[in-house]
Structure formats: structure tokens, C-alpha cells
Amino acid sequence: SAQIADLQQKLLDADKADRAKKRWDSIATILEAKCALKYLLAELVSSKVQESKLESSLQQSKVNCTAAHKLLLEEQNRFTEMEAESQKQLLVQEQHHQEKV
């Protein structure tokens, strides 16, 4: 029954695609062509708006990534400095210990 349902769904999807293709192929009047053109232009505008939003989102993500990378480099530098200071303090303590011994 699951396979039958799957096949029925595939048939419905194929039928929808065929109907859409036939609808575009059967445009016969100027009015139908005008309606189709309006639809296509509306889809184009919608696609352009979506593209613009995605482009803006991409640019914002790039800015965020750059800021995060800069912050990471600063933290790495700070960590390196702290590690060097820690090694320096450890060396000083070892020298003091050697002097006491």
C-alpha cells in the first residue's frame, strides 16, 4: 500500500507538470499571453527581491565572519602573551627556588 501511494503521488506530480507545460504551450490569444507575461514578470520581481535579500544576508555574514576572525586573532595573541608571561613567571620561580636550595 505504501508503494501504491508513492506511485499515485508520482503520477499526480507528473500530471501537474504536464498540465503546466500544456498550459504554456496552449497560449493562443493576446490576453492569455499578456496574463502569462504578467505572471512571469511577477515571478521575476519576486526572484530578484529574494536574490537581493540573500545577497544582503551573505554580505552581513561576511562582515560577521571577518569580525569573528579578527576577534579570534586578538584572543590568540592575548593567549600567546599570557602563556609567555606564565613561562616567564615560572622561570623566575624556578630561579628563586634554585637560589634557596
Protein backbone atom coordinates (compact mmCIF):
# COMPACT_ATOMS: atom_id res chain seq x y z
CA SER A 1 0.00 0.00 0.00
CA ALA A 2 2.92 2.33 0.67
CA GLN A 3 4.33 1.63 -2.79
CA ILE A 4 0.92 2.22 -4.35
CA ALA A 5 0.58 5.53 -2.51
CA ASP A 6 4.07 6.51 -3.62
CA LEU A 7 3.28 5.67 -7.25
CA GLN A 8 0.00 7.60 -7.08
CA GLN A 9 1.84 10.64 -5.74
CA LYS A 10 4.39 10.38 -8.54
CA LEU A 11 1.57 10.23 -11.09
CA LEU A 12 -0.07 13.31 -9.58
CA ASP A 13 3.22 15.22 -9.65
CA ALA A 14 3.86 14.22 -13.27
CA ASP A 15 0.31 15.20 -14.20
CA LYS A 16 0.74 18.64 -12.62
CA ALA A 17 3.97 19.19 -14.55
CA ASP A 18 2.32 18.09 -17.80
CA ARG A 19 -0.66 20.39 -17.21
CA ALA A 20 1.61 23.36 -16.56
CA LYS A 21 3.59 22.64 -19.73
CA LYS A 22 0.43 22.22 -21.77
CA ARG A 23 -0.96 25.45 -20.33
CA TRP A 24 2.10 27.36 -21.52
CA ASP A 25 2.07 25.58 -24.88
CA SER A 26 -1.61 26.30 -25.46
CA ILE A 27 -1.44 30.10 -25.20
CA ALA A 28 -3.41 31.22 -28.22
CA THR A 29 -4.66 34.75 -27.56
CA ILE A 30 -3.06 38.06 -26.75
CA LEU A 31 -4.96 38.17 -23.48
CA GLU A 32 -3.56 34.81 -22.41
CA ALA A 33 -0.07 35.89 -23.44
CA LYS A 34 -0.49 39.13 -21.52
CA CYS A 35 -1.57 37.24 -18.39
CA ALA A 36 1.33 34.82 -18.77
CA LEU A 37 3.73 37.72 -19.20
CA LYS A 38 2.38 39.44 -16.07
CA TYR A 39 2.82 36.19 -14.14
CA LEU A 40 6.38 35.76 -15.38
CA LEU A 41 7.27 39.36 -14.55
CA ALA A 42 5.82 38.97 -11.06
CA GLU A 43 7.91 35.82 -10.60
CA LEU A 44 10.97 37.67 -11.87
CA VAL A 45 10.44 40.53 -9.42
CA SER A 46 9.91 38.05 -6.60
CA SER A 47 13.11 36.23 -7.54
CA LYS A 48 15.07 39.50 -7.71
CA VAL A 49 13.79 40.55 -4.27
CA GLN A 50 14.75 37.18 -2.84
CA GLU A 51 18.16 37.38 -4.52
CA SER A 52 18.69 40.84 -3.05
CA LYS A 53 17.76 39.63 0.43
CA LEU A 54 20.10 36.65 0.12
CA GLU A 55 22.90 38.87 -1.17
CA SER A 56 22.41 41.22 1.78
CA SER A 57 22.42 38.28 4.16
CA LEU A 58 25.61 36.98 2.57
CA GLN A 59 27.32 40.36 2.92
CA GLN A 60 26.25 40.57 6.58
CA SER A 61 27.56 37.06 7.16
CA LYS A 62 30.88 38.01 5.59
CA VAL A 63 31.12 41.05 7.89
CA ASN A 64 30.29 38.89 10.90
CA CYS A 65 32.85 36.29 9.82
CA THR A 66 35.53 38.94 9.40
CA ALA A 67 34.75 40.37 12.84
CA ALA A 68 34.84 36.91 14.41
CA HIS A 69 38.15 36.15 12.69
CA LYS A 70 39.62 39.41 13.96
CA LEU A 71 38.40 38.63 17.47
CA LEU A 72 39.89 35.13 17.24
CA LEU A 73 43.27 36.53 16.21
CA GLU A 74 43.18 39.02 19.08
CA GLU A 75 42.35 36.25 21.54
CA GLN A 76 45.13 34.07 20.14
CA ASN A 77 47.60 36.94 20.56
CA ARG A 78 46.37 37.56 24.11
CA PHE A 79 46.70 33.86 24.91
CA THR A 80 50.23 33.80 23.48
CA GLU A 81 51.17 36.81 25.60
CA MET A 82 49.65 35.24 28.71
CA GLU A 83 51.48 31.98 28.02
CA ALA A 84 54.77 33.83 27.59
CA GLU A 85 54.17 35.73 30.84
CA SER A 86 53.34 32.47 32.61
CA GLN A 87 56.54 30.86 31.32
CA LYS A 88 58.49 33.91 32.45
CA GLN A 89 56.97 33.73 35.93
CA LEU A 90 57.64 30.00 36.09
CA LEU A 91 61.26 30.59 35.15
CA VAL A 92 61.59 33.30 37.82
CA GLN A 93 60.10 30.98 40.44
CA GLU A 94 62.44 28.18 39.40
CA GLN A 95 65.41 30.56 39.74
CA HIS A 96 64.24 31.62 43.20
CA HIS A 97 63.84 28.01 44.18
CA GLN A 98 67.33 27.19 42.90
CA GLU A 99 68.74 30.12 44.84
CA LYS A 100 67.02 28.91 48.02
CA VAL A 101 68.29 25.39 47.50
